[in-house]
N, C-alpha and C. Protein backbone atom coordinates (compact mmCIF):
# COMPACT_ATOMS: atom_id res chain seq x y z
N UNK A 1 9.00 -6.04 16.56
CA UNK A 1 8.81 -5.22 15.26
C UNK A 1 8.55 -6.37 14.17
N UNK A 2 7.50 -6.10 13.37
CA UNK A 2 7.17 -7.06 12.47
C UNK A 2 8.11 -6.77 11.18
N UNK A 3 8.46 -7.94 10.53
CA UNK A 3 9.36 -7.80 9.37
C UNK A 3 8.40 -7.99 8.13
N UNK A 4 8.59 -6.96 7.19
CA UNK A 4 7.81 -6.94 5.86
C UNK A 4 8.99 -7.31 4.91
N UNK A 5 8.72 -8.42 4.07
CA UNK A 5 9.56 -8.74 3.06
C UNK A 5 8.87 -9.17 1.75
N UNK A 6 9.59 -9.36 0.70
CA UNK A 6 8.88 -9.85 -0.58
C UNK A 6 8.15 -11.15 -0.20
N UNK A 7 6.96 -11.23 -0.62
CA UNK A 7 6.06 -12.36 -0.48
C UNK A 7 5.18 -12.25 0.81
N UNK A 8 5.46 -11.27 1.61
CA UNK A 8 4.66 -11.15 2.81
C UNK A 8 3.35 -10.39 2.50
N UNK A 9 2.31 -10.50 3.27
CA UNK A 9 1.15 -9.68 3.15
C UNK A 9 1.11 -8.50 3.79
N UNK A 10 0.94 -7.46 3.42
CA UNK A 10 1.00 -6.15 3.92
C UNK A 10 -0.41 -5.37 3.80
N UNK A 11 -0.73 -4.51 4.67
CA UNK A 11 -1.92 -3.61 4.59
C UNK A 11 -1.57 -2.17 4.65
N UNK A 12 -2.07 -1.44 3.89
CA UNK A 12 -1.96 0.13 3.96
C UNK A 12 -3.15 0.57 4.60
N UNK A 13 -3.05 0.85 6.00
CA UNK A 13 -4.33 1.09 6.87
C UNK A 13 -5.07 2.34 6.48
N UNK A 14 -4.46 3.28 5.80
CA UNK A 14 -5.35 4.50 5.55
C UNK A 14 -6.45 4.26 4.47
N UNK A 15 -6.34 3.15 3.58
CA UNK A 15 -7.30 2.97 2.57
C UNK A 15 -7.76 1.41 2.86
N UNK A 16 -7.15 0.62 3.69
CA UNK A 16 -7.48 -0.72 3.84
C UNK A 16 -7.08 -1.67 2.74
N UNK A 17 -6.19 -1.06 1.79
CA UNK A 17 -5.54 -1.90 0.69
C UNK A 17 -4.63 -2.89 1.26
N UNK A 18 -4.89 -4.12 0.79
CA UNK A 18 -4.07 -5.28 1.30
C UNK A 18 -3.66 -5.85 -0.01
N UNK A 19 -2.23 -6.51 0.04
CA UNK A 19 -1.63 -7.20 -1.00
C UNK A 19 -0.43 -7.88 -0.63
N UNK A 20 0.19 -8.58 -1.53
CA UNK A 20 1.50 -9.32 -1.40
C UNK A 20 2.55 -8.30 -1.95
N UNK A 21 3.48 -8.06 -1.12
CA UNK A 21 4.80 -7.42 -1.58
C UNK A 21 5.49 -8.24 -2.72
N UNK A 22 5.68 -7.55 -3.67
CA UNK A 22 6.35 -8.26 -4.82
C UNK A 22 7.70 -7.50 -5.25
N UNK A 23 7.91 -6.34 -4.70
CA UNK A 23 9.06 -5.69 -5.03
C UNK A 23 9.38 -4.57 -4.09
N UNK A 24 10.68 -4.15 -3.89
CA UNK A 24 11.07 -2.95 -3.16
C UNK A 24 11.78 -2.08 -4.16
N UNK A 25 11.67 -0.72 -3.69
CA UNK A 25 12.34 0.38 -4.53
C UNK A 25 12.77 1.42 -3.65
N UNK A 26 13.89 1.95 -3.76
CA UNK A 26 14.40 3.15 -3.00
C UNK A 26 14.24 4.46 -3.87
N UNK A 27 13.58 5.45 -3.24
CA UNK A 27 13.40 6.72 -3.85
C UNK A 27 13.31 7.86 -2.93
N UNK A 28 14.05 8.84 -3.07
CA UNK A 28 13.96 10.03 -2.13
C UNK A 28 14.18 9.85 -0.72
N UNK A 29 15.12 8.84 -0.45
CA UNK A 29 15.42 8.53 0.97
C UNK A 29 14.35 7.56 1.66
N UNK A 30 13.41 7.08 0.90
CA UNK A 30 12.43 6.10 1.53
C UNK A 30 12.34 4.87 0.71
N UNK A 31 12.03 3.79 1.41
CA UNK A 31 11.87 2.44 0.68
C UNK A 31 10.35 2.30 0.43
N UNK A 32 10.03 1.86 -0.81
CA UNK A 32 8.70 1.58 -1.05
C UNK A 32 8.53 0.05 -1.45
N UNK A 33 7.32 -0.36 -1.21
CA UNK A 33 6.97 -1.75 -1.47
C UNK A 33 5.80 -1.72 -2.57
N UNK A 34 5.98 -2.58 -3.65
CA UNK A 34 5.00 -2.70 -4.59
C UNK A 34 3.97 -3.66 -4.12
N UNK A 35 2.77 -3.53 -4.15
CA UNK A 35 1.68 -4.53 -3.70
C UNK A 35 1.04 -5.01 -4.99
N UNK A 36 0.85 -6.29 -5.19
CA UNK A 36 0.34 -6.98 -6.21
C UNK A 36 -1.14 -6.60 -6.53
N UNK A 37 -1.75 -6.35 -5.49
CA UNK A 37 -3.31 -6.09 -5.70
C UNK A 37 -3.60 -4.79 -6.36
N UNK A 38 -2.71 -3.84 -6.38
CA UNK A 38 -3.04 -2.42 -6.82
C UNK A 38 -1.96 -2.03 -7.98
N UNK A 39 -0.76 -2.73 -7.76
CA UNK A 39 0.21 -2.35 -8.85
C UNK A 39 0.93 -0.94 -8.39
N UNK A 40 0.67 -0.60 -7.16
CA UNK A 40 1.20 0.64 -6.66
C UNK A 40 2.30 0.55 -5.73
N UNK A 41 3.15 1.43 -5.63
CA UNK A 41 4.02 1.46 -4.46
C UNK A 41 3.56 2.22 -3.19
N UNK A 42 3.96 1.71 -2.08
CA UNK A 42 3.55 2.31 -0.81
C UNK A 42 5.02 2.24 0.11
N UNK A 43 4.97 3.48 0.92
CA UNK A 43 6.14 3.61 1.84
C UNK A 43 6.09 2.51 2.74
N UNK A 44 7.23 1.80 3.13
CA UNK A 44 7.15 0.55 3.93
C UNK A 44 6.83 1.00 5.33
N UNK A 45 7.28 2.34 5.69
CA UNK A 45 6.92 2.73 7.06
C UNK A 45 5.37 2.96 7.20
N UNK A 46 4.67 2.93 6.19
CA UNK A 46 3.32 3.16 6.30
C UNK A 46 2.43 1.89 6.20
N UNK A 47 3.17 0.80 5.97
CA UNK A 47 2.45 -0.53 5.76
C UNK A 47 2.61 -1.40 7.17
N UNK A 48 1.51 -2.16 7.32
CA UNK A 48 1.50 -3.08 8.49
C UNK A 48 1.25 -4.49 7.95
N UNK A 49 1.79 -5.44 8.92
CA UNK A 49 1.60 -6.83 8.43
C UNK A 49 0.03 -7.15 8.16
N UNK A 50 -0.37 -8.00 7.30
CA UNK A 50 -1.79 -8.43 7.14
C UNK A 50 -1.64 -9.86 7.05
N UNK A 51 -2.84 -10.46 7.31
CA UNK A 51 -3.15 -11.82 7.34
C UNK A 51 -3.69 -12.33 5.92
N UNK A 52 -3.57 -13.42 5.62
CA UNK A 52 -3.94 -13.98 4.30
C UNK A 52 -5.32 -13.79 4.12
N UNK A 53 -6.25 -13.81 5.04
CA UNK A 53 -7.72 -13.77 4.97
C UNK A 53 -8.13 -12.41 4.60
N UNK A 54 -7.25 -11.26 4.75
CA UNK A 54 -7.46 -9.94 4.41
C UNK A 54 -7.27 -9.57 2.94
N UNK A 55 -6.60 -10.50 2.32
CA UNK A 55 -6.30 -10.24 0.94
C UNK A 55 -7.44 -9.86 -0.01
N UNK A 56 -7.20 -8.70 -0.70
CA UNK A 56 -8.01 -8.07 -1.64
C UNK A 56 -7.66 -8.90 -2.98
N UNK A 57 -8.60 -8.73 -3.86
CA UNK A 57 -8.45 -9.31 -5.22
C UNK A 57 -7.48 -8.46 -5.90
N UNK A 58 -6.48 -9.05 -6.78
CA UNK A 58 -5.69 -8.20 -7.53
C UNK A 58 -6.51 -7.42 -8.73
N UNK A 59 -5.98 -6.21 -8.83
CA UNK A 59 -6.73 -5.33 -9.97
C UNK A 59 -6.52 -6.03 -11.19
N UNK A 60 -7.71 -6.19 -11.99
CA UNK A 60 -7.72 -6.60 -13.34
C UNK A 60 -7.44 -5.55 -14.15
N UNK A 61 -6.18 -5.54 -14.76
CA UNK A 61 -5.57 -4.37 -15.58
C UNK A 61 -6.47 -4.21 -16.78
N UNK A 62 -6.73 -5.34 -17.47
CA UNK A 62 -7.49 -5.34 -18.75
C UNK A 62 -8.85 -4.66 -18.53
N UNK A 63 -9.58 -4.94 -17.40
CA UNK A 63 -10.78 -4.33 -17.18
C UNK A 63 -10.72 -2.96 -16.91
N UNK A 64 -9.77 -2.50 -16.12
CA UNK A 64 -9.52 -1.05 -15.87
C UNK A 64 -9.12 -0.35 -17.09
N UNK A 65 -8.41 -0.88 -17.95
CA UNK A 65 -8.15 -0.24 -19.30
C UNK A 65 -9.14 -0.01 -20.15
N UNK A 66 -10.06 -1.05 -20.11
CA UNK A 66 -11.44 -1.02 -20.87
C UNK A 66 -12.18 0.10 -20.35
N UNK A 67 -12.34 0.15 -19.00
CA UNK A 67 -13.06 1.22 -18.38
C UNK A 67 -12.63 2.59 -18.70
N UNK A 68 -11.27 2.73 -18.67
CA UNK A 68 -10.66 4.01 -19.24
C UNK A 68 -10.97 4.25 -20.62
N UNK A 69 -10.84 3.46 -21.58
CA UNK A 69 -11.12 3.73 -22.97
C UNK A 69 -12.50 4.14 -23.11
N UNK A 70 -13.59 3.57 -22.40
CA UNK A 70 -14.91 3.92 -22.49
C UNK A 70 -15.10 5.36 -22.01
N UNK A 71 -14.46 5.64 -20.73
CA UNK A 71 -14.65 7.09 -20.38
C UNK A 71 -14.01 8.00 -21.31
N UNK A 72 -12.91 7.65 -21.75
CA UNK A 72 -12.09 8.55 -22.69
C UNK A 72 -13.05 8.93 -23.89
N UNK A 73 -13.76 7.73 -24.51
CA UNK A 73 -14.63 7.94 -25.57
C UNK A 73 -15.77 8.92 -25.25
N UNK A 74 -16.37 8.79 -24.09
CA UNK A 74 -17.42 9.62 -23.62
C UNK A 74 -17.03 10.93 -23.63
N UNK A 75 -15.78 11.23 -22.92
CA UNK A 75 -15.31 12.65 -22.75
C UNK A 75 -15.07 13.20 -24.16
N UNK A 76 -14.43 12.46 -25.25
CA UNK A 76 -14.29 12.88 -26.56
C UNK A 76 -15.45 13.36 -27.28
N UNK A 77 -16.74 12.65 -26.79
CA UNK A 77 -18.00 12.95 -27.48
C UNK A 77 -18.48 14.27 -27.15
N UNK A 78 -18.14 14.78 -25.87
CA UNK A 78 -18.67 15.93 -25.43
C UNK A 78 -18.29 17.19 -26.32
N UNK A 79 -19.20 18.14 -26.71
CA UNK A 79 -18.79 19.20 -27.43
C UNK A 79 -18.47 20.36 -26.46
N UNK A 80 -17.12 20.74 -26.48
CA UNK A 80 -16.68 21.89 -25.77
C UNK A 80 -16.26 23.11 -26.53
N UNK A 81 -16.88 23.08 -27.72
CA UNK A 81 -16.65 24.25 -28.64
C UNK A 81 -17.31 25.51 -28.13
N UNK A 82 -18.49 25.33 -27.48
CA UNK A 82 -19.17 26.52 -26.92
C UNK A 82 -18.42 27.01 -25.63
N UNK A 83 -17.91 26.17 -24.86
CA UNK A 83 -17.23 26.54 -23.77
C UNK A 83 -15.99 27.21 -24.17
N UNK A 84 -15.31 26.66 -25.10
CA UNK A 84 -13.93 27.38 -25.60
C UNK A 84 -14.24 28.86 -26.05
N UNK A 85 -15.25 28.95 -26.70
CA UNK A 85 -15.49 30.36 -27.24
C UNK A 85 -15.88 31.31 -26.08
N UNK A 86 -16.22 30.86 -24.85
CA UNK A 86 -16.67 31.68 -23.74
C UNK A 86 -15.41 31.99 -22.86
N UNK A 87 -14.17 31.92 -23.29
CA UNK A 87 -13.10 32.07 -22.50
C UNK A 87 -12.63 33.45 -22.40
N UNK A 88 -13.47 34.41 -22.45
CA UNK A 88 -13.17 35.94 -22.49
C UNK A 88 -13.22 36.48 -21.11
N UNK A 89 -13.49 35.63 -20.00
CA UNK A 89 -13.50 36.04 -18.63
C UNK A 89 -14.89 36.60 -18.16
N UNK A 90 -15.79 36.74 -19.13
CA UNK A 90 -17.09 37.16 -18.73
C UNK A 90 -17.90 36.11 -18.16
N UNK A 91 -18.81 36.49 -17.16
CA UNK A 91 -19.59 35.32 -16.51
C UNK A 91 -20.86 35.14 -17.46
N UNK A 92 -20.94 33.90 -17.83
CA UNK A 92 -22.18 33.61 -18.82
C UNK A 92 -23.03 32.68 -17.99
N UNK A 93 -23.24 32.89 -16.79
CA UNK A 93 -24.07 32.04 -15.85
C UNK A 93 -25.55 32.13 -16.13
N UNK A 94 -25.95 33.31 -16.64
CA UNK A 94 -27.40 33.59 -16.84
C UNK A 94 -28.05 33.77 -15.44
N UNK A 95 -28.61 34.89 -15.42
CA UNK A 95 -29.32 35.10 -14.11
C UNK A 95 -29.70 36.49 -13.79
């Protein structure tokens, strides 16, 4: 059996996500490992060892936050007032 420890490379085969384990956490009877490439926790029983060549680039959080802000601004610009007025349960599909 392969050992997964802090500093080792691991892969989540369901998505192909690869990263370095930086932390462990216990929750709800399971052990989770934090991968540096995504900043997300994965159950260690779902991870497999990976080789260094498989490493994905770490997520650039600043770029992700900037993308989030742009999408939020676009969403806020959409006028939902007409849709809010049509919440009477009637079908306004036209046809």
